[in-house]
Amino acid sequence: RWKAAQRKELFEAKLLDFTMGLASGMRSGLGLPQALDATA
């Protein structure tokens, strides 16, 4: 459970980077799936 909580915490710490990556990708002309792929 502690390991799962640590993983979830790391996931939440990257949410801001994820959102910024989506915004940057779509601002450069990519669609949502393509921006999602590029961010991933």
Full PDB file with SEQRES, HELIX, SHEET, SSBOND, CRYST1, ORIGX, SCALE, CONECT and MASTER records, all heavy atoms in Angstrom:
SEQRES   1 A   40  ARG TRP LYS ALA ALA GLN ARG LYS GLU LEU PHE GLU ALA          
SEQRES   2 A   40  LYS LEU LEU ASP PHE THR MET GLY LEU ALA SER GLY MET          
SEQRES   3 A   40  ARG SER GLY LEU GLY LEU PRO GLN ALA LEU ASP ALA THR          
SEQRES   4 A   40  ALA                                                          
HELIX    1 AA1 TRP A    2  ALA A   13  1                                  12    
HELIX    2 AA2 LEU A   15  ARG A   27  1                                  13    
HELIX    3 AA3 LEU A   32  THR A   39  1                                   8    
CRYST1    1.000    1.000    1.000  90.00  90.00  90.00 P 1           1          
ORIGX1      1.000000  0.000000  0.000000        0.00000                         
ORIGX2      0.000000  1.000000  0.000000        0.00000                         
ORIGX3      0.000000  0.000000  1.000000        0.00000                         
SCALE1      1.000000  0.000000  0.000000        0.00000                         
SCALE2      0.000000  1.000000  0.000000        0.00000                         
SCALE3      0.000000  0.000000  1.000000        0.00000                         
ATOM      1  N   ARG A   1       0.831  -1.196   0.000  1.00  0.00           N  
ATOM      2  CA  ARG A   1       0.000   0.000   0.000  1.00  0.00           C  
ATOM      3  C   ARG A   1       0.869   1.250   0.000  1.00  0.00           C  
ATOM      4  O   ARG A   1       0.544   2.243  -0.664  1.00  0.00           O  
ATOM      5  CB  ARG A   1      -0.926  -0.002   1.209  1.00  0.00           C  
ATOM      6  CG  ARG A   1      -2.152  -0.887   1.057  1.00  0.00           C  
ATOM      7  CD  ARG A   1      -3.018  -0.822   2.292  1.00  0.00           C  
ATOM      8  NE  ARG A   1      -4.238  -1.602   2.141  1.00  0.00           N  
ATOM      9  CZ  ARG A   1      -5.115  -1.798   3.112  1.00  0.00           C  
ATOM     10  NH1 ARG A   1      -4.905  -1.264   4.317  1.00  0.00           N  
ATOM     11  NH2 ARG A   1      -6.197  -2.527   2.905  1.00  0.00           N  
ATOM     12  N   TRP A   2       1.975   1.192   0.754  1.00  0.00           N  
ATOM     13  CA  TRP A   2       2.905   2.318   0.757  1.00  0.00           C  
ATOM     14  C   TRP A   2       3.535   2.506  -0.624  1.00  0.00           C  
ATOM     15  O   TRP A   2       3.672   3.646  -1.095  1.00  0.00           O  
ATOM     16  CB  TRP A   2       3.992   2.068   1.802  1.00  0.00           C  
ATOM     17  CG  TRP A   2       5.074   3.095   1.785  1.00  0.00           C  
ATOM     18  CD1 TRP A   2       5.027   4.371   2.298  1.00  0.00           C  
ATOM     19  CD2 TRP A   2       6.382   2.945   1.218  1.00  0.00           C  
ATOM     20  NE1 TRP A   2       6.221   5.012   2.089  1.00  0.00           N  
ATOM     21  CE2 TRP A   2       7.075   4.164   1.425  1.00  0.00           C  
ATOM     22  CE3 TRP A   2       7.039   1.899   0.575  1.00  0.00           C  
ATOM     23  CZ2 TRP A   2       8.384   4.358   1.003  1.00  0.00           C  
ATOM     24  CZ3 TRP A   2       8.330   2.095   0.144  1.00  0.00           C  
ATOM     25  CH2 TRP A   2       8.987   3.308   0.359  1.00  0.00           C  
ATOM     26  N   LYS A   3       3.890   1.394  -1.262  1.00  0.00           N  
ATOM     27  CA  LYS A   3       4.445   1.487  -2.616  1.00  0.00           C  
ATOM     28  C   LYS A   3       3.428   2.088  -3.582  1.00  0.00           C  
ATOM     29  O   LYS A   3       3.780   2.925  -4.423  1.00  0.00           O  
ATOM     30  CB  LYS A   3       4.853   0.093  -3.096  1.00  0.00           C  
ATOM     31  CG  LYS A   3       6.004  -0.533  -2.340  1.00  0.00           C  
ATOM     32  CD  LYS A   3       7.338  -0.014  -2.812  1.00  0.00           C  
ATOM     33  CE  LYS A   3       7.683  -0.547  -4.190  1.00  0.00           C  
ATOM     34  NZ  LYS A   3       9.036  -0.108  -4.634  1.00  0.00           N  
ATOM     35  N   ALA A   4       2.156   1.672  -3.468  1.00  0.00           N  
ATOM     36  CA  ALA A   4       1.106   2.210  -4.329  1.00  0.00           C  
ATOM     37  C   ALA A   4       0.886   3.694  -4.050  1.00  0.00           C  
ATOM     38  O   ALA A   4       0.670   4.484  -4.984  1.00  0.00           O  
ATOM     39  CB  ALA A   4      -0.195   1.433  -4.119  1.00  0.00           C  
ATOM     40  N   ALA A   5       0.953   4.079  -2.776  1.00  0.00           N  
ATOM     41  CA  ALA A   5       0.792   5.495  -2.436  1.00  0.00           C  
ATOM     42  C   ALA A   5       1.939   6.322  -2.992  1.00  0.00           C  
ATOM     43  O   ALA A   5       1.731   7.452  -3.461  1.00  0.00           O  
ATOM     44  CB  ALA A   5       0.691   5.656  -0.917  1.00  0.00           C  
ATOM     45  N   GLN A   6       3.158   5.765  -2.947  1.00  0.00           N  
ATOM     46  CA  GLN A   6       4.303   6.468  -3.513  1.00  0.00           C  
ATOM     47  C   GLN A   6       4.146   6.640  -5.013  1.00  0.00           C  
ATOM     48  O   GLN A   6       4.453   7.712  -5.563  1.00  0.00           O  
ATOM     49  CB  GLN A   6       5.588   5.685  -3.219  1.00  0.00           C  
ATOM     50  CG  GLN A   6       6.003   5.690  -1.758  1.00  0.00           C  
ATOM     51  CD  GLN A   6       6.446   7.053  -1.291  1.00  0.00           C  
ATOM     52  OE1 GLN A   6       5.716   7.729  -0.576  1.00  0.00           O  
ATOM     53  NE2 GLN A   6       7.625   7.471  -1.658  1.00  0.00           N  
ATOM     54  N   ARG A   7       3.646   5.614  -5.678  1.00  0.00           N  
ATOM     55  CA  ARG A   7       3.436   5.702  -7.129  1.00  0.00           C  
ATOM     56  C   ARG A   7       2.378   6.745  -7.462  1.00  0.00           C  
ATOM     57  O   ARG A   7       2.533   7.525  -8.406  1.00  0.00           O  
ATOM     58  CB  ARG A   7       3.015   4.329  -7.670  1.00  0.00           C  
ATOM     59  CG  ARG A   7       2.868   4.276  -9.181  1.00  0.00           C  
ATOM     60  CD  ARG A   7       2.559   2.850  -9.637  1.00  0.00           C  
ATOM     61  NE  ARG A   7       2.527   2.768 -11.080  1.00  0.00           N  
ATOM     62  CZ  ARG A   7       1.444   2.999 -11.821  1.00  0.00           C  
ATOM     63  NH1 ARG A   7       0.299   3.314 -11.235  1.00  0.00           N  
ATOM     64  NH2 ARG A   7       1.493   2.898 -13.148  1.00  0.00           N  
ATOM     65  N   LYS A   8       1.301   6.759  -6.669  1.00  0.00           N  
ATOM     66  CA  LYS A   8       0.249   7.742  -6.902  1.00  0.00           C  
ATOM     67  C   LYS A   8       0.759   9.155  -6.663  1.00  0.00           C  
ATOM     68  O   LYS A   8       0.407  10.100  -7.385  1.00  0.00           O  
ATOM     69  CB  LYS A   8      -0.939   7.450  -5.990  1.00  0.00           C  
ATOM     70  CG  LYS A   8      -2.122   8.371  -6.228  1.00  0.00           C  
ATOM     71  CD  LYS A   8      -3.282   8.028  -5.319  1.00  0.00           C  
ATOM     72  CE  LYS A   8      -4.444   8.988  -5.548  1.00  0.00           C  
ATOM     73  NZ  LYS A   8      -5.579   8.700  -4.636  1.00  0.00           N  
ATOM     74  N   GLU A   9       1.604   9.316  -5.657  1.00  0.00           N  
ATOM     75  CA  GLU A   9       2.163  10.637  -5.371  1.00  0.00           C  
ATOM     76  C   GLU A   9       3.047  11.116  -6.519  1.00  0.00           C  
ATOM     77  O   GLU A   9       3.007  12.295  -6.896  1.00  0.00           O  
ATOM     78  CB  GLU A   9       2.957  10.583  -4.063  1.00  0.00           C  
ATOM     79  CG  GLU A   9       3.471  11.926  -3.601  1.00  0.00           C  
ATOM     80  CD  GLU A   9       4.159  11.857  -2.257  1.00  0.00           C  
ATOM     81  OE1 GLU A   9       3.946  10.862  -1.531  1.00  0.00           O  
ATOM     82  OE2 GLU A   9       4.905  12.794  -1.921  1.00  0.00           O  
ATOM     83  N   LEU A  10       3.848  10.201  -7.078  1.00  0.00           N  
ATOM     84  CA  LEU A  10       4.668  10.557  -8.228  1.00  0.00           C  
ATOM     85  C   LEU A  10       3.801  10.911  -9.431  1.00  0.00           C  
ATOM     86  O   LEU A  10       4.116  11.834 -10.202  1.00  0.00           O  
ATOM     87  CB  LEU A  10       5.605   9.398  -8.584  1.00  0.00           C  
ATOM     88  CG  LEU A  10       6.756   9.122  -7.616  1.00  0.00           C  
ATOM     89  CD1 LEU A  10       7.508   7.865  -8.033  1.00  0.00           C  
ATOM     90  CD2 LEU A  10       7.707  10.312  -7.550  1.00  0.00           C  
ATOM     91  N   PHE A  11       2.692  10.173  -9.594  1.00  0.00           N  
ATOM     92  CA  PHE A  11       1.771  10.461 -10.686  1.00  0.00           C  
ATOM     93  C   PHE A  11       1.182  11.859 -10.548  1.00  0.00           C  
ATOM     94  O   PHE A  11       1.147  12.642 -11.507  1.00  0.00           O  
ATOM     95  CB  PHE A  11       0.660   9.404 -10.701  1.00  0.00           C  
ATOM     96  CG  PHE A  11      -0.398   9.630 -11.749  1.00  0.00           C  
ATOM     97  CD1 PHE A  11      -0.233   9.127 -13.027  1.00  0.00           C  
ATOM     98  CD2 PHE A  11      -1.558  10.341 -11.458  1.00  0.00           C  
ATOM     99  CE1 PHE A  11      -1.201   9.323 -14.004  1.00  0.00           C  
ATOM    100  CE2 PHE A  11      -2.523  10.537 -12.420  1.00  0.00           C  
ATOM    101  CZ  PHE A  11      -2.345  10.031 -13.696  1.00  0.00           C  
ATOM    102  N   GLU A  12       0.721  12.189  -9.334  1.00  0.00           N  
ATOM    103  CA  GLU A  12       0.114  13.498  -9.115  1.00  0.00           C  
ATOM    104  C   GLU A  12       1.130  14.624  -9.271  1.00  0.00           C  
ATOM    105  O   GLU A  12       0.775  15.730  -9.694  1.00  0.00           O  
ATOM    106  CB  GLU A  12      -0.524  13.548  -7.729  1.00  0.00           C  
ATOM    107  CG  GLU A  12      -1.735  12.642  -7.591  1.00  0.00           C  
ATOM    108  CD  GLU A  12      -2.342  12.686  -6.206  1.00  0.00           C  
ATOM    109  OE1 GLU A  12      -1.707  13.279  -5.298  1.00  0.00           O  
ATOM    110  OE2 GLU A  12      -3.442  12.138  -6.014  1.00  0.00           O  
ATOM    111  N   ALA A  13       2.405  14.336  -8.943  1.00  0.00           N  
ATOM    112  CA  ALA A  13       3.433  15.362  -9.084  1.00  0.00           C  
ATOM    113  C   ALA A  13       3.685  15.719 -10.546  1.00  0.00           C  
ATOM    114  O   ALA A  13       4.181  16.815 -10.843  1.00  0.00           O  
ATOM    115  CB  ALA A  13       4.737  14.885  -8.443  1.00  0.00           C  
ATOM    116  N   LYS A  14       3.337  14.813 -11.456  1.00  0.00           N  
ATOM    117  CA  LYS A  14       3.548  15.056 -12.886  1.00  0.00           C  
ATOM    118  C   LYS A  14       2.302  15.582 -13.597  1.00  0.00           C  
ATOM    119  O   LYS A  14       2.322  15.787 -14.809  1.00  0.00           O  
ATOM    120  CB  LYS A  14       4.012  13.762 -13.577  1.00  0.00           C  
ATOM    121  CG  LYS A  14       5.410  13.326 -13.166  1.00  0.00           C  
ATOM    122  CD  LYS A  14       5.827  12.064 -13.902  1.00  0.00           C  
ATOM    123  CE  LYS A  14       7.244  11.670 -13.540  1.00  0.00           C  
ATOM    124  NZ  LYS A  14       8.232  12.623 -14.072  1.00  0.00           N  
ATOM    125  N   LEU A  15       1.217  15.786 -12.856  1.00  0.00           N  
ATOM    126  CA  LEU A  15      -0.012  16.261 -13.490  1.00  0.00           C  
ATOM    127  C   LEU A  15       0.170  17.642 -14.118  1.00  0.00           C  
ATOM    128  O   LEU A  15      -0.365  17.917 -15.192  1.00  0.00           O  
ATOM    129  CB  LEU A  15      -1.146  16.290 -12.468  1.00  0.00           C  
ATOM    130  CG  LEU A  15      -1.965  15.008 -12.330  1.00  0.00           C  
ATOM    131  CD1 LEU A  15      -2.972  15.133 -11.205  1.00  0.00           C  
ATOM    132  CD2 LEU A  15      -2.670  14.669 -13.632  1.00  0.00           C  
ATOM    133  N   LEU A  16       0.902  18.515 -13.429  1.00  0.00           N  
ATOM    134  CA  LEU A  16       1.126  19.846 -13.979  1.00  0.00           C  
ATOM    135  C   LEU A  16       1.928  19.761 -15.268  1.00  0.00           C  
ATOM    136  O   LEU A  16       1.588  20.424 -16.268  1.00  0.00           O  
ATOM    137  CB  LEU A  16       1.850  20.719 -12.949  1.00  0.00           C  
ATOM    138  CG  LEU A  16       2.164  22.149 -13.395  1.00  0.00           C  
ATOM    139  CD1 LEU A  16       0.893  22.893 -13.772  1.00  0.00           C  
ATOM    140  CD2 LEU A  16       2.925  22.894 -12.296  1.00  0.00           C  
ATOM    141  N   ASP A  17       2.992  18.953 -15.288  1.00  0.00           N  
ATOM    142  CA  ASP A  17       3.777  18.777 -16.515  1.00  0.00           C  
ATOM    143  C   ASP A  17       2.925  18.165 -17.624  1.00  0.00           C  
ATOM    144  O   ASP A  17       3.075  18.525 -18.798  1.00  0.00           O  
ATOM    145  CB  ASP A  17       4.984  17.880 -16.235  1.00  0.00           C  
ATOM    146  CG  ASP A  17       5.966  18.518 -15.272  1.00  0.00           C  
ATOM    147  OD1 ASP A  17       5.967  19.760 -15.182  1.00  0.00           O  
ATOM    148  OD2 ASP A  17       6.699  17.776 -14.597  1.00  0.00           O  
ATOM    149  N   PHE A  18       2.062  17.242 -17.253  1.00  0.00           N  
ATOM    150  CA  PHE A  18       1.178  16.621 -18.236  1.00  0.00           C  
ATOM    151  C   PHE A  18       0.238  17.652 -18.868  1.00  0.00           C  
ATOM    152  O   PHE A  18       0.082  17.708 -20.089  1.00  0.00           O  
ATOM    153  CB  PHE A  18       0.380  15.517 -17.554  1.00  0.00           C  
ATOM    154  CG  PHE A  18      -0.745  14.955 -18.374  1.00  0.00           C  
ATOM    155  CD1 PHE A  18      -0.515  14.433 -19.640  1.00  0.00           C  
ATOM    156  CD2 PHE A  18      -2.044  14.951 -17.885  1.00  0.00           C  
ATOM    157  CE1 PHE A  18      -1.548  13.914 -20.401  1.00  0.00           C  
ATOM    158  CE2 PHE A  18      -3.087  14.437 -18.632  1.00  0.00           C  
ATOM    159  CZ  PHE A  18      -2.839  13.923 -19.897  1.00  0.00           C  
ATOM    160  N   THR A  19      -0.375  18.480 -18.039  1.00  0.00           N  
ATOM    161  CA  THR A  19      -1.296  19.495 -18.544  1.00  0.00           C  
ATOM    162  C   THR A  19      -0.558  20.519 -19.411  1.00  0.00           C  
ATOM    163  O   THR A  19      -1.056  20.932 -20.469  1.00  0.00           O  
ATOM    164  CB  THR A  19      -1.996  20.207 -17.377  1.00  0.00           C  
ATOM    165  OG1 THR A  19      -2.557  19.231 -16.500  1.00  0.00           O  
ATOM    166  CG2 THR A  19      -3.116  21.096 -17.880  1.00  0.00           C  
ATOM    167  N   MET A  20       0.626  20.941 -18.973  1.00  0.00           N  
ATOM    168  CA  MET A  20       1.417  21.886 -19.766  1.00  0.00           C  
ATOM    169  C   MET A  20       1.834  21.266 -21.092  1.00  0.00           C  
ATOM    170  O   MET A  20       1.853  21.944 -22.136  1.00  0.00           O  
ATOM    171  CB  MET A  20       2.651  22.313 -18.971  1.00  0.00           C  
ATOM    172  CG  MET A  20       2.341  23.149 -17.743  1.00  0.00           C  
ATOM    173  SD  MET A  20       3.802  23.502 -16.726  1.00  0.00           S  
ATOM    174  CE  MET A  20       4.785  24.457 -17.887  1.00  0.00           C  
ATOM    175  N   GLY A  21       2.166  19.962 -21.078  1.00  0.00           N  
ATOM    176  CA  GLY A  21       2.528  19.294 -22.328  1.00  0.00           C  
ATOM    177  C   GLY A  21       1.366  19.233 -23.306  1.00  0.00           C  
ATOM    178  O   GLY A  21       1.546  19.450 -24.516  1.00  0.00           O  
ATOM    179  N   LEU A  22       0.169  18.941 -22.795  1.00  0.00           N  
ATOM    180  CA  LEU A  22      -1.013  18.935 -23.664  1.00  0.00           C  
ATOM    181  C   LEU A  22      -1.264  20.316 -24.245  1.00  0.00           C  
ATOM    182  O   LEU A  22      -1.554  20.466 -25.445  1.00  0.00           O  
ATOM    183  CB  LEU A  22      -2.240  18.473 -22.872  1.00  0.00           C  
ATOM    184  CG  LEU A  22      -2.371  16.985 -22.567  1.00  0.00           C  
ATOM    185  CD1 LEU A  22      -3.666  16.723 -21.819  1.00  0.00           C  
ATOM    186  CD2 LEU A  22      -2.318  16.143 -23.839  1.00  0.00           C  
ATOM    187  N   ALA A  23      -1.183  21.348 -23.399  1.00  0.00           N  
ATOM    188  CA  ALA A  23      -1.433  22.712 -23.870  1.00  0.00           C  
ATOM    189  C   ALA A  23      -0.407  23.120 -24.924  1.00  0.00           C  
ATOM    190  O   ALA A  23      -0.763  23.701 -25.963  1.00  0.00           O  
ATOM    191  CB  ALA A  23      -1.403  23.687 -22.691  1.00  0.00           C  
ATOM    192  N   SER A  24       0.860  22.810 -24.676  1.00  0.00           N  
ATOM    193  CA  SER A  24       1.908  23.173 -25.645  1.00  0.00           C  
ATOM    194  C   SER A  24       1.734  22.420 -26.954  1.00  0.00           C  
ATOM    195  O   SER A  24       1.896  22.981 -28.043  1.00  0.00           O  
ATOM    196  CB  SER A  24       3.284  22.876 -25.045  1.00  0.00           C  
ATOM    197  OG  SER A  24       3.494  23.625 -23.869  1.00  0.00           O  
ATOM    198  N   GLY A  25       1.402  21.141 -26.877  1.00  0.00           N  
ATOM    199  CA  GLY A  25       1.221  20.354 -28.091  1.00  0.00           C  
ATOM    200  C   GLY A  25       0.070  20.848 -28.935  1.00  0.00           C  
ATOM    201  O   GLY A  25       0.195  20.978 -30.166  1.00  0.00           O  
ATOM    202  N   MET A  26      -1.074  21.144 -28.304  1.00  0.00           N  
ATOM    203  CA  MET A  26      -2.225  21.619 -29.072  1.00  0.00           C  
ATOM    204  C   MET A  26      -2.023  23.044 -29.568  1.00  0.00           C  
ATOM    205  O   MET A  26      -2.539  23.428 -30.612  1.00  0.00           O  
ATOM    206  CB  MET A  26      -3.490  21.521 -28.214  1.00  0.00           C  
ATOM    207  CG  MET A  26      -3.945  20.079 -27.999  1.00  0.00           C  
ATOM    208  SD  MET A  26      -5.508  19.948 -27.117  1.00  0.00           S  
ATOM    209  CE  MET A  26      -4.994  20.504 -25.494  1.00  0.00           C  
ATOM    210  N   ARG A  27      -1.241  23.834 -28.824  1.00  0.00           N  
ATOM    211  CA  ARG A  27      -0.943  25.189 -29.285  1.00  0.00           C  
ATOM    212  C   ARG A  27      -0.065  25.157 -30.532  1.00  0.00           C  
ATOM    213  O   ARG A  27      -0.134  26.071 -31.371  1.00  0.00           O  
ATOM    214  CB  ARG A  27      -0.252  25.976 -28.174  1.00  0.00           C  
ATOM    215  CG  ARG A  27      -0.229  27.482 -28.418  1.00  0.00           C  
ATOM    216  CD  ARG A  27       0.480  28.230 -27.298  1.00  0.00           C  
ATOM    217  NE  ARG A  27      -0.215  28.046 -26.031  1.00  0.00           N  
ATOM    218  CZ  ARG A  27       0.277  27.372 -25.015  1.00  0.00           C  
ATOM    219  NH1 ARG A  27       1.460  26.773 -25.117  1.00  0.00           N  
ATOM    220  NH2 ARG A  27      -0.391  27.249 -23.891  1.00  0.00           N  
ATOM    221  N   SER A  28       0.744  24.105 -30.661  1.00  0.00           N  
ATOM    222  CA  SER A  28       1.610  23.998 -31.843  1.00  0.00           C  
ATOM    223  C   SER A  28       0.890  23.361 -33.034  1.00  0.00           C  
ATOM    224  O   SER A  28       1.510  23.157 -34.079  1.00  0.00           O  
ATOM    225  CB  SER A  28       2.842  23.162 -31.494  1.00  0.00           C  
ATOM    226  OG  SER A  28       2.477  21.829 -31.161  1.00  0.00           O  
ATOM    227  N   GLY A  29      -0.391  23.025 -32.880  1.00  0.00           N  
ATOM    228  CA  GLY A  29      -1.176  22.519 -34.001  1.00  0.00           C  
ATOM    229  C   GLY A  29      -1.515  21.048 -33.934  1.00  0.00           C  
ATOM    230  O   GLY A  29      -2.186  20.528 -34.836  1.00  0.00           O  
ATOM    231  N   LEU A  30      -1.107  20.350 -32.919  1.00  0.00           N  
ATOM    232  CA  LEU A  30      -1.424  18.930 -32.794  1.00  0.00           C  
ATOM    233  C   LEU A  30      -2.843  18.745 -32.273  1.00  0.00           C  
ATOM    234  O   LEU A  30      -3.372  19.584 -31.542  1.00  0.00           O  
ATOM    235  CB  LEU A  30      -0.453  18.243 -31.826  1.00  0.00           C  
ATOM    236  CG  LEU A  30       1.029  18.216 -32.224  1.00  0.00           C  
ATOM    237  CD1 LEU A  30       1.853  17.576 -31.118  1.00  0.00           C  
ATOM    238  CD2 LEU A  30       1.237  17.463 -33.535  1.00  0.00           C  
ATOM    239  N   GLY A  31      -3.452  17.633 -32.660  1.00  0.00           N  
ATOM    240  CA  GLY A  31      -4.733  17.265 -32.077  1.00  0.00           C  
ATOM    241  C   GLY A  31      -4.529  16.690 -30.685  1.00  0.00           C  
ATOM    242  O   GLY A  31      -3.398  16.410 -30.266  1.00  0.00           O  
ATOM    243  N   LEU A  32      -5.635  16.472 -29.975  1.00  0.00           N  
ATOM    244  CA  LEU A  32      -5.533  15.967 -28.614  1.00  0.00           C  
ATOM    245  C   LEU A  32      -4.846  14.604 -28.549  1.00  0.00           C  
ATOM    246  O   LEU A  32      -3.947  14.407 -27.715  1.00  0.00           O  
ATOM    247  CB  LEU A  32      -6.925  15.906 -27.972  1.00  0.00           C  
ATOM    248  CG  LEU A  32      -6.977  15.372 -26.539  1.00  0.00           C  
ATOM    249  CD1 LEU A  32      -6.101  16.210 -25.617  1.00  0.00           C  
ATOM    250  CD2 LEU A  32      -8.416  15.340 -26.028  1.00  0.00           C  
ATOM    251  N   PRO A  33      -5.192  13.628 -29.399  1.00  0.00           N  
ATOM    252  CA  PRO A  33      -4.494  12.332 -29.331  1.00  0.00           C  
ATOM    253  C   PRO A  33      -2.999  12.456 -29.630  1.00  0.00           C  
ATOM    254  O   PRO A  33      -2.175  11.818 -28.968  1.00  0.00           O  
ATOM    255  CB  PRO A  33      -5.206  11.486 -30.391  1.00  0.00           C  
ATOM    256  CG  PRO A  33      -6.546  12.122 -30.550  1.00  0.00           C  
ATOM    257  CD  PRO A  33      -6.311  13.578 -30.371  1.00  0.00           C  
ATOM    258  N   GLN A  34      -2.645  13.290 -30.624  1.00  0.00           N  
ATOM    259  CA  GLN A  34      -1.239  13.463 -30.967  1.00  0.00           C  
ATOM    260  C   GLN A  34      -0.477  14.175 -29.846  1.00  0.00           C  
ATOM    261  O   GLN A  34       0.665  13.825 -29.528  1.00  0.00           O  
ATOM    262  CB  GLN A  34      -1.094  14.253 -32.272  1.00  0.00           C  
ATOM    263  CG  GLN A  34      -1.556  13.518 -33.527  1.00  0.00           C  
ATOM    264  CD  GLN A  34      -3.073  13.428 -33.626  1.00  0.00           C  
ATOM    265  OE1 GLN A  34      -3.786  14.278 -33.066  1.00  0.00           O  
ATOM    266  NE2 GLN A  34      -3.565  12.408 -34.323  1.00  0.00           N  
ATOM    267  N   ALA A  35      -1.112  15.182 -29.241  1.00  0.00           N  
ATOM    268  CA  ALA A  35      -0.478  15.875 -28.118  1.00  0.00           C  
ATOM    269  C   ALA A  35      -0.313  14.936 -26.925  1.00  0.00           C  
ATOM    270  O   ALA A  35       0.703  14.981 -26.219  1.00  0.00           O  
ATOM    271  CB  ALA A  35      -1.320  17.094 -27.725  1.00  0.00           C  
ATOM    272  N   LEU A  36      -1.286  14.084 -26.733  1.00  0.00           N  
ATOM    273  CA  LEU A  36      -1.203  13.101 -25.653  1.00  0.00           C  
ATOM    274  C   LEU A  36      -0.054  12.131 -25.894  1.00  0.00           C  
ATOM    275  O   LEU A  36       0.703  11.794 -24.965  1.00  0.00           O  
ATOM    276  CB  LEU A  36      -2.527  12.355 -25.552  1.00  0.00           C  
ATOM    277  CG  LEU A  36      -2.768  11.490 -24.314  1.00  0.00           C  
ATOM    278  CD1 LEU A  36      -2.827  12.355 -23.068  1.00  0.00           C  
ATOM    279  CD2 LEU A  36      -4.071  10.708 -24.468  1.00  0.00           C  
ATOM    280  N   ASP A  37       0.090  11.690 -27.140  1.00  0.00           N  
ATOM    281  CA  ASP A  37       1.164  10.768 -27.486  1.00  0.00           C  
ATOM    282  C   ASP A  37       2.527  11.422 -27.316  1.00  0.00           C  
ATOM    283  O   ASP A  37       3.467  10.827 -26.775  1.00  0.00           O  
ATOM    284  CB  ASP A  37       0.973  10.305 -28.930  1.00  0.00           C  
ATOM    285  CG  ASP A  37       1.920   9.178 -29.314  1.00  0.00           C  
ATOM    286  OD1 ASP A  37       2.480   8.541 -28.389  1.00  0.00           O  
ATOM    287  OD2 ASP A  37       2.104   8.925 -30.518  1.00  0.00           O  
ATOM    288  N   ALA A  38       2.651  12.676 -27.789  1.00  0.00           N  
ATOM    289  CA  ALA A  38       3.926  13.390 -27.678  1.00  0.00           C  
ATOM    290  C   ALA A  38       4.303  13.622 -26.215  1.00  0.00           C  
ATOM    291  O   ALA A  38       5.469  13.503 -25.826  1.00  0.00           O  
ATOM    292  CB  ALA A  38       3.837  14.719 -28.421  1.00  0.00           C  
ATOM    293  N   THR A  39       3.319  13.940 -25.399  1.00  0.00           N  
ATOM    294  CA  THR A  39       3.586  14.169 -23.973  1.00  0.00           C  
ATOM    295  C   THR A  39       3.984  12.878 -23.277  1.00  0.00           C  
ATOM    296  O   THR A  39       4.884  12.860 -22.427  1.00  0.00           O  
ATOM    297  CB  THR A  39       2.336  14.765 -23.294  1.00  0.00           C  
ATOM    298  OG1 THR A  39       1.954  15.959 -23.973  1.00  0.00           O  
ATOM    299  CG2 THR A  39       2.617  15.089 -21.842  1.00  0.00           C  
ATOM    300  N   ALA A  40       3.325  11.776 -23.645  1.00  0.00           N  
ATOM    301  CA  ALA A  40       3.603  10.490 -23.001  1.00  0.00           C  
ATOM    302  C   ALA A  40       5.031  10.025 -23.262  1.00  0.00           C  
ATOM    303  O   ALA A  40       5.624   9.336 -22.424  1.00  0.00           O  
ATOM    304  CB  ALA A  40       2.614   9.440 -23.494  1.00  0.00           C  
TER     305      ALA A  40                                                      
MASTER        0    0    0    3    0    0    0    6  304    1    0    4          
END                                                                             
